[in-house]
Amino acid sequence: MNSFVKAVGVGFISLGLWSSTALAQDSWWKTAAQPYQGATIRGISESTPASKYVEQVLGPKFTEETGIKVEFEATSWDQMYDKAIKDMEANTGIYDFVYIEQDIVYTYLARNFLVDITKSLADNAKIASPDFKPENFTTFLNYFKDPKSGNVMGVPMEAFIKPYLYRKDLFDDPAIQKAYKDSTGADLKPATTHDEYTQIAKFFTEYGADKELWGTTVQASSSHPAAFYEFFESVAPTFGVYNWGIDGTTFAATEANGGQMNSAAAKKALNYWIGLLKYAPPESTSSTWDEVAGTFAAGRAAQGLVYGENAAWIATDESKSTVVGKVGVALPPVEAGVMEAAESGKGYIGYYDGGAFGIPHSSKNKDASLLFLQYIGQASVQTDWALAGSRIVMNSTYDDPKIVDQDKKMNGYYTLMREDGKLFAGAPPFPFHAQVLQVVAPFIYKAIVGEIKPDDALDQAATAAEAELVKLGYRK
């Protein structure tokens, strides 16, 4: 999520308080890095708060301790993928480490782009840090393991859920509560159903007509994959439609063939989501994840689904947010039975997002890059990184006093992530991720702008998805 972050800049915690554990290991890092003194490793990532911390804090600190220079390119989401994939396809070796988003890792594994980190460290014990322990990571690490060998192929650098944020100051205001009760007959509280969410959105849009306040955010750019992702990974699951509506065994997408992409539940979900646009700010049809965060931080929406990586600065940074101290956090609203399915492990209610750094086979500095990935994989560097980017990849980070304090300021975002993160899930393990995205997203865009009806959009999308899967050889 890039443009808004780049526009406002990212401030970080001082480097002053590095743990004694990290400092004590200076001699190990210097010794291990001795053969690579003066080398330069180059990496690329999306310009997120967590990535900016790597660029501005962890990279320079690693250089100071090892003598290995880190050149880090934090760019837009689409440029990141375009540059990294072209480099790996051409085997040019421009980048020594690349960002692997959770939903693209299966494509990278299928195309054999990545170095096996577990095997590489086992083969070269001299660069295997005693402070790099895969067992310290949360289960999010599992998304970056080779399904066949169980070996680690990427080191997690950010992980977060996409919660329901709401304006606590508005929801707790007695006068607004009375107005809502008079208008709807219901008490004003965070929605647990889609009907409640729509009702709240309608109320606040009417209430805020003269206040530049709308009822909800909608990540509905009519020309960017962000819209596809919000619908299929954040909204559809709350209606019981999982894995983009594609059957993981037969790879059917149409309901007629056993898929769910154009099922009644999926159509209900898309009509709901498109219907929210009338209660959303005008920028919503050009909003990616960045603009949604900016909209909420500017106080232009009473509620919304906002990526957790933005939760910390929205809730705590007065230099960038107008709603500091006013942000509530809750689970997304769901249809009947969906929460129970998620609690039993048979479904999920939203997207568990994040990514890792991996080393391409085309890298010209694999050993130096292995040192860097272990360096950022130490428990000792996690806390301040979490404070800067609302990301947690190790269980121990939750208990750090700094995180506990920030959790209070964020009205329990980290607590929600720790206790209910199991209700969220990453993207499905599809190696054809990019291809299906490309053929399905245009129909979502057409529905957003009103060119076709939501039901027709999903019928056409499901047919197109199946045709692509036949073409790719997944579906017979």
Protein backbone atom coordinates (compact mmCIF):
# COMPACT_ATOMS: atom_id res chain seq x y z
CA MET A 1 0.00 0.00 0.00
CA ASN A 2 2.05 2.84 -1.27
CA SER A 3 0.90 6.25 -2.47
CA PHE A 4 -0.66 7.58 0.70
CA VAL A 5 2.24 6.36 2.77
CA LYS A 6 4.68 8.01 0.38
CA ALA A 7 2.68 11.21 0.44
CA VAL A 8 2.60 11.61 4.19
CA GLY A 9 6.00 10.07 4.98
CA VAL A 10 6.67 7.61 7.75
CA GLY A 11 8.17 8.49 11.11
CA PHE A 12 9.95 5.90 13.13
CA ILE A 13 11.04 5.11 16.61
CA SER A 14 14.59 6.16 17.51
CA LEU A 15 17.39 3.71 17.00
CA GLY A 16 18.61 4.44 20.50
CA LEU A 17 17.17 1.50 22.36
CA TRP A 18 18.34 -1.63 20.67
CA SER A 19 18.20 -4.64 22.94
CA SER A 20 21.27 -5.93 24.68
CA THR A 21 20.79 -9.23 22.85
CA ALA A 22 21.24 -7.60 19.45
CA LEU A 23 24.27 -5.61 20.61
CA ALA A 24 25.84 -8.68 22.16
CA GLN A 25 25.77 -10.41 18.81
CA ASP A 26 27.80 -7.68 17.04
CA SER A 27 30.91 -9.87 17.00
CA TRP A 28 29.04 -12.81 15.48
CA TRP A 29 27.57 -10.68 12.66
CA LYS A 30 30.94 -9.08 11.90
CA THR A 31 32.68 -12.43 11.83
CA ALA A 32 30.04 -14.10 9.68
CA ALA A 33 29.99 -11.17 7.27
CA GLN A 34 33.75 -10.90 6.92
CA PRO A 35 33.90 -12.66 3.50
CA TYR A 36 31.28 -10.25 2.15
CA GLN A 37 32.76 -6.95 3.40
CA GLY A 38 32.02 -4.19 0.93
CA ALA A 39 29.32 -6.16 -0.90
CA THR A 40 26.06 -4.45 -1.81
CA ILE A 41 22.75 -6.30 -1.71
CA ARG A 42 19.70 -4.86 -3.43
CA GLY A 43 16.10 -5.44 -2.45
CA ILE A 44 12.66 -4.33 -3.58
CA SER A 45 9.38 -4.05 -1.73
CA GLU A 46 6.10 -2.22 -1.66
CA SER A 47 6.25 1.15 0.08
CA THR A 48 4.46 0.15 3.27
CA PRO A 49 5.17 1.36 6.83
CA ALA A 50 6.96 -1.92 7.56
CA SER A 51 9.09 -1.65 4.43
CA LYS A 52 10.01 1.95 5.11
CA TYR A 53 11.28 0.81 8.51
CA VAL A 54 13.55 -1.69 6.77
CA GLU A 55 14.80 1.02 4.43
CA GLN A 56 15.39 3.65 7.10
CA VAL A 57 16.29 1.61 10.18
CA LEU A 58 17.11 -2.07 9.73
CA GLY A 59 19.11 -1.72 6.52
CA PRO A 60 21.45 0.96 7.90
CA LYS A 61 21.83 -0.90 11.20
CA PHE A 62 22.76 -4.10 9.36
CA THR A 63 25.33 -2.21 7.31
CA GLU A 64 26.80 -0.72 10.49
CA GLU A 65 27.18 -4.16 12.06
CA THR A 66 28.35 -6.14 9.02
CA GLY A 67 29.87 -3.80 6.45
CA ILE A 68 27.40 -5.10 3.86
CA LYS A 69 25.56 -2.26 2.17
CA VAL A 70 21.80 -2.54 1.67
CA GLU A 71 20.18 -0.73 -1.24
CA PHE A 72 16.43 -0.94 -0.78
CA GLU A 73 13.82 0.16 -3.29
CA ALA A 74 10.42 0.84 -1.71
CA THR A 75 8.04 1.45 -4.59
CA SER A 76 4.42 1.05 -5.66
CA TRP A 77 2.66 -2.29 -5.43
CA ASP A 78 2.38 -2.77 -9.18
CA GLN A 79 5.95 -1.60 -9.91
CA MET A 80 7.27 -3.92 -7.22
CA TYR A 81 5.73 -6.96 -8.86
CA ASP A 82 6.59 -5.89 -12.38
CA LYS A 83 10.26 -5.30 -11.60
CA ALA A 84 10.78 -8.32 -9.36
CA ILE A 85 9.08 -10.82 -11.65
CA LYS A 86 10.82 -9.55 -14.78
CA ASP A 87 14.16 -9.78 -12.99
CA MET A 88 13.52 -13.34 -11.85
CA GLU A 89 12.15 -14.43 -15.23
CA ALA A 90 15.14 -13.02 -17.09
CA ASN A 91 17.59 -14.27 -14.43
CA THR A 92 19.32 -10.89 -14.51
CA GLY A 93 20.12 -10.74 -10.79
CA ILE A 94 19.24 -7.10 -10.24
CA TYR A 95 17.63 -7.89 -6.90
CA ASP A 96 19.14 -10.02 -4.14
CA PHE A 97 15.98 -10.14 -2.04
CA VAL A 98 12.36 -9.46 -2.97
CA TYR A 99 9.10 -8.93 -1.18
CA ILE A 100 6.78 -11.93 -1.43
CA GLU A 101 3.20 -11.08 -0.59
CA GLN A 102 1.28 -13.94 0.97
CA ASP A 103 -1.11 -14.25 -1.94
CA ILE A 104 1.63 -14.57 -4.61
CA VAL A 105 3.99 -16.98 -2.85
CA TYR A 106 2.41 -20.06 -4.45
CA THR A 107 3.09 -18.68 -7.92
CA TYR A 108 6.73 -18.02 -7.00
CA LEU A 109 7.09 -21.54 -5.62
CA ALA A 110 5.50 -23.10 -8.69
CA ARG A 111 7.92 -21.21 -10.92
CA ASN A 112 10.94 -22.15 -8.77
CA PHE A 113 11.94 -18.52 -8.27
CA LEU A 114 13.13 -18.79 -4.67
CA VAL A 115 16.18 -20.05 -2.78
CA ASP A 116 15.48 -22.66 -0.10
CA ILE A 117 16.51 -20.79 3.07
CA THR A 118 16.42 -23.84 5.35
CA LYS A 119 18.66 -25.87 3.06
CA SER A 120 21.03 -22.98 2.35
CA LEU A 121 21.69 -22.39 6.06
CA ALA A 122 22.13 -26.10 6.68
CA ASP A 123 24.68 -26.25 3.87
CA ASN A 124 26.66 -23.26 5.19
CA ALA A 125 26.66 -23.31 8.98
CA LYS A 126 29.12 -20.40 9.13
CA ILE A 127 26.36 -17.96 8.17
CA ALA A 128 23.59 -19.60 10.22
CA SER A 129 22.82 -17.14 13.02
CA PRO A 130 22.06 -18.54 16.46
CA ASP A 131 19.46 -15.78 16.83
CA PHE A 132 17.44 -16.82 13.78
CA LYS A 133 14.89 -19.36 15.00
CA PRO A 134 11.94 -20.20 12.73
CA GLU A 135 10.07 -21.59 15.72
CA ASN A 136 9.83 -18.05 17.13
CA PHE A 137 7.51 -16.94 14.34
CA THR A 138 3.74 -17.10 14.43
CA THR A 139 1.98 -19.63 12.22
CA PHE A 140 2.04 -16.99 9.48
CA LEU A 141 5.47 -18.44 8.63
CA ASN A 142 3.70 -21.54 7.31
CA TYR A 143 2.53 -19.62 4.25
CA PHE A 144 6.18 -19.27 3.23
CA LYS A 145 7.18 -22.89 3.56
CA ASP A 146 7.54 -25.27 0.65
CA PRO A 147 4.45 -27.53 0.88
CA LYS A 148 6.53 -30.55 -0.14
CA SER A 149 9.63 -30.20 2.06
CA GLY A 150 8.35 -27.90 4.80
CA ASN A 151 11.47 -25.77 4.32
CA VAL A 152 11.38 -22.01 4.81
CA MET A 153 11.41 -20.08 1.53
CA GLY A 154 10.81 -16.59 2.91
CA VAL A 155 11.32 -14.72 6.18
CA PRO A 156 8.11 -12.95 7.32
CA MET A 157 8.54 -9.19 7.66
CA GLU A 158 4.93 -8.09 8.12
CA ALA A 159 1.62 -9.69 9.04
CA PHE A 160 -1.70 -8.09 9.91
CA ILE A 161 -5.43 -8.61 9.64
CA LYS A 162 -7.98 -6.37 7.95
CA PRO A 163 -10.33 -5.38 10.78
CA TYR A 164 -13.45 -3.26 10.99
CA LEU A 165 -12.45 0.22 12.15
CA TYR A 166 -15.07 2.64 13.41
CA ARG A 167 -15.15 6.13 14.84
CA LYS A 168 -15.44 5.46 18.55
CA ASP A 169 -16.04 9.13 19.30
CA LEU A 170 -19.11 9.14 17.05
CA PHE A 171 -20.45 5.76 18.16
CA ASP A 172 -20.08 6.76 21.85
CA ASP A 173 -21.60 10.24 21.51
CA PRO A 174 -24.89 10.35 23.52
CA ALA A 175 -26.54 12.80 21.13
CA ILE A 176 -25.66 10.68 18.11
CA GLN A 177 -26.74 7.53 19.90
CA LYS A 178 -30.15 9.12 20.58
CA ALA A 179 -30.49 10.29 16.98
CA TYR A 180 -29.65 6.82 15.72
CA LYS A 181 -32.14 5.22 18.12
CA ASP A 182 -34.85 7.65 17.06
CA SER A 183 -34.11 7.03 13.39
CA THR A 184 -33.67 3.25 13.38
CA GLY A 185 -35.09 1.93 16.64
CA ALA A 186 -31.77 0.22 17.33
CA ASP A 187 -28.83 0.95 19.62
CA LEU A 188 -25.73 2.35 17.93
CA LYS A 189 -22.87 -0.14 18.22
CA PRO A 190 -20.37 -1.74 15.84
CA ALA A 191 -22.22 -3.87 13.32
CA THR A 192 -22.15 -7.65 13.54
CA THR A 193 -24.34 -8.22 10.46
CA HIS A 194 -24.33 -6.70 6.99
CA ASP A 195 -27.80 -5.26 7.49
CA GLU A 196 -26.60 -3.45 10.61
CA TYR A 197 -23.52 -2.19 8.77
CA THR A 198 -25.61 -0.80 5.91
CA GLN A 199 -28.02 0.84 8.33
CA ILE A 200 -25.14 2.54 10.16
CA ALA A 201 -23.61 3.65 6.85
CA LYS A 202 -26.90 5.17 5.72
CA PHE A 203 -27.41 6.97 9.04
CA PHE A 204 -23.97 8.55 9.15
CA THR A 205 -24.13 9.59 5.50
CA GLU A 206 -27.33 11.48 6.26
CA TYR A 207 -26.00 12.78 9.58
CA GLY A 208 -22.77 13.95 7.97
CA ALA A 209 -24.28 15.57 4.88
CA ASP A 210 -23.03 19.00 5.97
CA LYS A 211 -19.88 17.72 7.71
CA GLU A 212 -17.83 16.00 4.96
CA LEU A 213 -18.63 12.72 6.72
CA TRP A 214 -19.83 9.55 5.03
CA GLY A 215 -21.02 6.22 6.37
CA THR A 216 -18.26 3.89 5.19
CA THR A 217 -15.09 3.43 3.22
CA VAL A 218 -15.12 1.21 0.12
CA GLN A 219 -11.89 0.04 -1.51
CA ALA A 220 -13.49 0.15 -4.95
CA SER A 221 -10.99 1.52 -7.44
CA SER A 222 -12.50 0.88 -10.86
CA SER A 223 -9.10 0.32 -12.44
CA HIS A 224 -6.91 -1.30 -9.78
CA PRO A 225 -6.74 -4.88 -8.40
CA ALA A 226 -7.40 -3.45 -4.92
CA ALA A 227 -11.11 -3.70 -5.72
CA PHE A 228 -10.81 -7.39 -6.63
CA TYR A 229 -8.95 -8.05 -3.39
CA GLU A 230 -11.41 -6.22 -1.15
CA PHE A 231 -14.34 -8.09 -2.62
CA PHE A 232 -12.91 -11.61 -2.87
CA GLU A 233 -10.63 -11.59 0.17
CA SER A 234 -12.47 -9.33 2.63
CA VAL A 235 -16.17 -9.17 1.73
CA ALA A 236 -17.06 -12.47 0.04
CA PRO A 237 -15.75 -14.58 2.98
CA THR A 238 -18.15 -12.77 5.33
CA PHE A 239 -20.94 -14.21 3.18
CA GLY A 240 -19.44 -17.71 3.29
CA VAL A 241 -17.71 -17.58 -0.11
CA TYR A 242 -14.13 -18.73 0.31
CA ASN A 243 -11.07 -19.05 -1.93
CA TRP A 244 -12.51 -16.63 -4.50
CA GLY A 245 -15.35 -19.08 -5.08
CA ILE A 246 -13.03 -21.56 -6.84
CA ASP A 247 -13.15 -25.23 -5.87
CA GLY A 248 -9.68 -26.26 -4.77
CA THR A 249 -9.99 -29.79 -6.16
CA THR A 250 -11.88 -29.46 -9.45
CA PHE A 251 -10.99 -25.78 -10.02
CA ALA A 252 -14.58 -25.04 -10.91
CA ALA A 253 -15.69 -21.43 -10.58
CA THR A 254 -19.26 -21.50 -11.91
CA GLU A 255 -21.99 -22.73 -9.63
CA ALA A 256 -23.20 -25.03 -12.40
CA ASN A 257 -19.92 -26.95 -12.20
CA GLY A 258 -19.55 -26.91 -8.42
CA GLY A 259 -17.87 -23.54 -7.89
CA GLN A 260 -19.15 -20.60 -5.86
CA MET A 261 -17.93 -17.51 -7.72
CA ASN A 262 -21.40 -16.80 -9.10
CA SER A 263 -23.40 -18.48 -6.36
CA ALA A 264 -26.37 -16.81 -4.68
CA ALA A 265 -24.15 -16.00 -1.68
CA ALA A 266 -21.48 -14.41 -3.89
CA LYS A 267 -24.09 -12.33 -5.72
CA LYS A 268 -25.58 -11.19 -2.43
CA ALA A 269 -22.08 -10.18 -1.31
CA LEU A 270 -21.31 -8.16 -4.45
CA ASN A 271 -24.68 -6.40 -4.40
CA TYR A 272 -24.08 -5.49 -0.76
CA TRP A 273 -20.59 -4.16 -1.44
CA ILE A 274 -21.55 -2.19 -4.55
CA GLY A 275 -24.57 -0.89 -2.65
CA LEU A 276 -22.32 0.66 -0.01
CA LEU A 277 -20.90 3.08 -2.59
CA LYS A 278 -23.89 5.38 -2.16
CA TYR A 279 -22.85 5.82 1.47
CA ALA A 280 -19.13 6.24 0.74
CA PRO A 281 -17.01 9.31 -0.06
CA PRO A 282 -16.73 10.22 -3.75
CA GLU A 283 -13.09 9.13 -3.86
CA SER A 284 -14.11 5.51 -3.19
CA THR A 285 -14.29 4.47 -6.85
CA SER A 286 -10.66 5.49 -7.21
CA SER A 287 -9.54 4.16 -3.83
CA THR A 288 -6.93 1.48 -3.29
CA TRP A 289 -5.80 0.45 0.20
CA ASP A 290 -3.81 3.69 0.50
CA GLU A 291 -6.70 6.01 -0.21
CA VAL A 292 -8.99 4.07 2.13
CA ALA A 293 -6.49 4.59 4.95
CA GLY A 294 -6.21 8.26 4.04
CA THR A 295 -9.99 8.68 3.93
CA PHE A 296 -10.41 7.18 7.39
CA ALA A 297 -7.48 9.13 8.83
CA ALA A 298 -8.97 12.36 7.46
CA GLY A 299 -12.20 11.72 9.35
CA ARG A 300 -14.27 11.29 6.20
CA ALA A 301 -15.86 7.94 7.11
CA ALA A 302 -17.58 6.61 10.21
CA GLN A 303 -16.52 3.01 9.63
CA GLY A 304 -14.69 0.78 7.19
CA LEU A 305 -12.52 -2.24 6.52
CA VAL A 306 -8.95 -0.96 6.77
CA TYR A 307 -5.72 -2.93 6.45
CA GLY A 308 -4.16 -3.37 9.86
CA GLU A 309 -0.74 -2.13 8.74
CA ASN A 310 -2.28 1.36 8.78
CA ALA A 311 -4.06 0.98 12.10
CA ALA A 312 -1.17 2.22 14.28
CA TRP A 313 -0.56 5.53 12.56
CA ILE A 314 -4.27 6.21 12.07
CA ALA A 315 -4.91 5.68 15.78
CA THR A 316 -1.78 7.27 17.25
CA ASP A 317 0.05 9.67 14.91
CA GLU A 318 -1.33 13.20 15.13
CA SER A 319 0.99 14.41 12.37
CA LYS A 320 -0.85 12.25 9.85
CA SER A 321 -4.27 11.45 11.32
CA THR A 322 -7.17 13.61 12.47
CA VAL A 323 -8.80 10.74 14.38
CA VAL A 324 -6.11 9.92 16.94
CA GLY A 325 -7.76 8.55 20.07
CA LYS A 326 -11.05 8.11 18.24
CA VAL A 327 -10.59 4.73 16.56
CA GLY A 328 -12.43 1.60 17.62
CA VAL A 329 -11.58 -1.91 16.37
CA ALA A 330 -13.93 -4.83 15.81
CA LEU A 331 -14.41 -7.97 13.76
CA PRO A 332 -16.08 -7.54 10.35
CA PRO A 333 -19.85 -8.08 10.10
CA VAL A 334 -20.88 -11.51 8.81
CA GLU A 335 -23.84 -13.49 7.56
CA ALA A 336 -25.52 -16.07 9.79
CA GLY A 337 -23.37 -19.16 10.29
CA VAL A 338 -20.14 -17.65 8.97
CA MET A 339 -18.64 -16.87 12.37
CA GLU A 340 -19.39 -20.38 13.56
CA ALA A 341 -17.75 -21.81 10.44
CA ALA A 342 -14.65 -19.71 11.07
CA GLU A 343 -14.48 -20.72 14.72
CA SER A 344 -14.64 -24.38 13.75
CA GLY A 345 -11.91 -23.97 11.13
CA LYS A 346 -14.25 -24.58 8.20
CA GLY A 347 -14.23 -20.99 6.99
CA TYR A 348 -12.82 -17.53 7.69
CA ILE A 349 -14.11 -13.99 8.03
CA GLY A 350 -11.46 -11.92 6.29
CA TYR A 351 -7.95 -11.56 5.04
CA TYR A 352 -4.77 -12.24 7.02
CA ASP A 353 -2.33 -10.19 4.99
CA GLY A 354 1.40 -9.72 4.98
CA GLY A 355 4.56 -10.79 3.31
CA ALA A 356 8.11 -12.05 3.57
CA PHE A 357 11.48 -11.41 2.02
CA GLY A 358 12.86 -14.18 -0.16
CA ILE A 359 16.02 -14.61 -2.17
CA PRO A 360 15.67 -15.20 -5.92
CA HIS A 361 17.77 -17.91 -7.54
CA SER A 362 19.00 -15.12 -9.80
CA SER A 363 20.60 -13.23 -6.89
CA LYS A 364 24.33 -12.62 -7.23
CA ASN A 365 24.81 -12.23 -3.47
CA LYS A 366 22.90 -15.10 -1.90
CA ASP A 367 25.03 -15.58 1.23
CA ALA A 368 25.09 -11.88 2.10
CA SER A 369 21.33 -11.78 1.56
CA LEU A 370 20.87 -14.80 3.82
CA LEU A 371 22.64 -12.89 6.55
CA PHE A 372 20.32 -9.92 6.08
CA LEU A 373 17.16 -12.02 6.15
CA GLN A 374 18.30 -13.66 9.38
CA TYR A 375 19.14 -10.25 10.81
CA ILE A 376 15.59 -8.99 10.31
CA GLY A 377 14.34 -12.35 11.60
CA GLN A 378 15.74 -11.82 15.11
CA ALA A 379 13.29 -11.45 17.98
CA SER A 380 15.30 -8.49 19.25
CA VAL A 381 14.40 -6.20 16.32
CA GLN A 382 10.68 -6.90 16.24
CA THR A 383 9.16 -4.51 18.78
CA ASP A 384 10.06 -1.12 17.32
CA TRP A 385 9.32 -2.50 13.87
CA ALA A 386 5.84 -3.43 15.10
CA LEU A 387 5.31 0.02 16.57
CA ALA A 388 6.14 1.55 13.19
CA GLY A 389 4.02 -0.72 11.02
CA SER A 390 1.30 -2.46 13.07
CA ARG A 391 2.86 -5.77 12.05
CA ILE A 392 3.60 -8.74 14.25
CA VAL A 393 5.30 -11.92 13.04
CA MET A 394 6.48 -13.36 16.39
CA ASN A 395 4.31 -14.35 19.34
CA SER A 396 6.74 -12.83 21.85
CA THR A 397 6.20 -9.36 20.39
CA TYR A 398 2.64 -9.23 21.72
CA ASP A 399 3.91 -9.28 25.31
CA ASP A 400 6.48 -6.53 24.97
CA PRO A 401 5.53 -3.57 27.24
CA LYS A 402 5.79 -1.14 24.31
CA ILE A 403 3.28 -3.16 22.30
CA VAL A 404 0.96 -3.55 25.28
CA ASP A 405 1.00 0.23 25.69
CA GLN A 406 0.35 0.89 22.00
CA ASP A 407 -2.43 -1.70 22.03
CA LYS A 408 -4.27 0.43 24.58
CA LYS A 409 -3.94 3.50 22.36
CA MET A 410 -5.29 1.47 19.44
CA ASN A 411 -8.30 0.24 21.44
CA GLY A 412 -7.14 -3.35 21.31
CA TYR A 413 -6.03 -3.96 17.72
CA TYR A 414 -3.15 -6.23 18.76
CA THR A 415 -5.39 -8.05 21.23
CA LEU A 416 -7.92 -8.62 18.47
CA MET A 417 -5.21 -9.90 16.15
CA ARG A 418 -3.75 -12.20 18.79
CA GLU A 419 -7.03 -13.64 20.03
CA ASP A 420 -9.07 -13.68 16.83
CA GLY A 421 -6.41 -13.82 14.12
CA LYS A 422 -7.31 -17.48 13.71
CA LEU A 423 -10.64 -16.38 12.24
CA PHE A 424 -8.84 -14.77 9.29
CA ALA A 425 -6.94 -16.51 6.51
CA GLY A 426 -4.45 -15.79 3.80
CA ALA A 427 -5.21 -16.08 0.11
CA PRO A 428 -5.89 -19.54 -1.34
CA PRO A 429 -2.84 -21.59 -2.42
CA PHE A 430 -3.37 -20.98 -6.11
CA PRO A 431 -0.31 -20.90 -8.41
CA PHE A 432 -2.58 -19.29 -11.02
CA HIS A 433 -3.30 -16.26 -8.83
CA ALA A 434 -2.20 -13.60 -11.31
CA GLN A 435 -3.92 -15.15 -14.31
CA VAL A 436 -7.32 -15.46 -12.63
CA LEU A 437 -7.01 -11.96 -11.20
CA GLN A 438 -6.43 -10.57 -14.68
CA VAL A 439 -9.49 -12.18 -16.23
CA VAL A 440 -11.90 -11.65 -13.31
CA ALA A 441 -11.06 -8.11 -12.12
CA PRO A 442 -12.43 -6.32 -15.25
CA PHE A 443 -15.94 -7.61 -14.47
CA ILE A 444 -15.70 -6.23 -10.91
CA TYR A 445 -14.60 -2.88 -12.34
CA LYS A 446 -17.61 -2.84 -14.69
CA ALA A 447 -19.96 -3.51 -11.78
CA ILE A 448 -18.42 -0.69 -9.78
CA VAL A 449 -19.05 1.90 -12.50
CA GLY A 450 -22.52 0.53 -13.26
CA GLU A 451 -21.71 -0.79 -16.71
CA ILE A 452 -23.13 -4.19 -15.80
CA LYS A 453 -25.21 -5.45 -12.87
CA PRO A 454 -23.41 -7.25 -10.04
CA ASP A 455 -25.14 -10.57 -10.77
CA ASP A 456 -24.12 -10.43 -14.43
CA ALA A 457 -20.58 -9.43 -13.44
CA LEU A 458 -20.14 -12.59 -11.39
CA ASP A 459 -21.74 -14.84 -14.00
CA GLN A 460 -19.32 -13.53 -16.61
CA ALA A 461 -16.37 -13.55 -14.18
CA ALA A 462 -16.95 -17.19 -13.21
CA THR A 463 -17.19 -18.25 -16.85
CA ALA A 464 -14.00 -16.35 -17.69
CA ALA A 465 -12.17 -17.83 -14.70
CA GLU A 466 -13.09 -21.37 -15.69
CA ALA A 467 -12.03 -20.77 -19.27
CA GLU A 468 -8.66 -19.51 -18.07
CA LEU A 469 -8.22 -22.51 -15.77
CA VAL A 470 -8.95 -24.86 -18.66
CA LYS A 471 -6.44 -22.96 -20.79
CA LEU A 472 -3.81 -23.26 -18.04
CA GLY A 473 -4.46 -26.99 -17.69
CA TYR A 474 -5.86 -26.96 -14.16
CA ARG A 475 -9.42 -27.77 -15.16
CA LYS A 476 -10.25 -30.47 -17.69
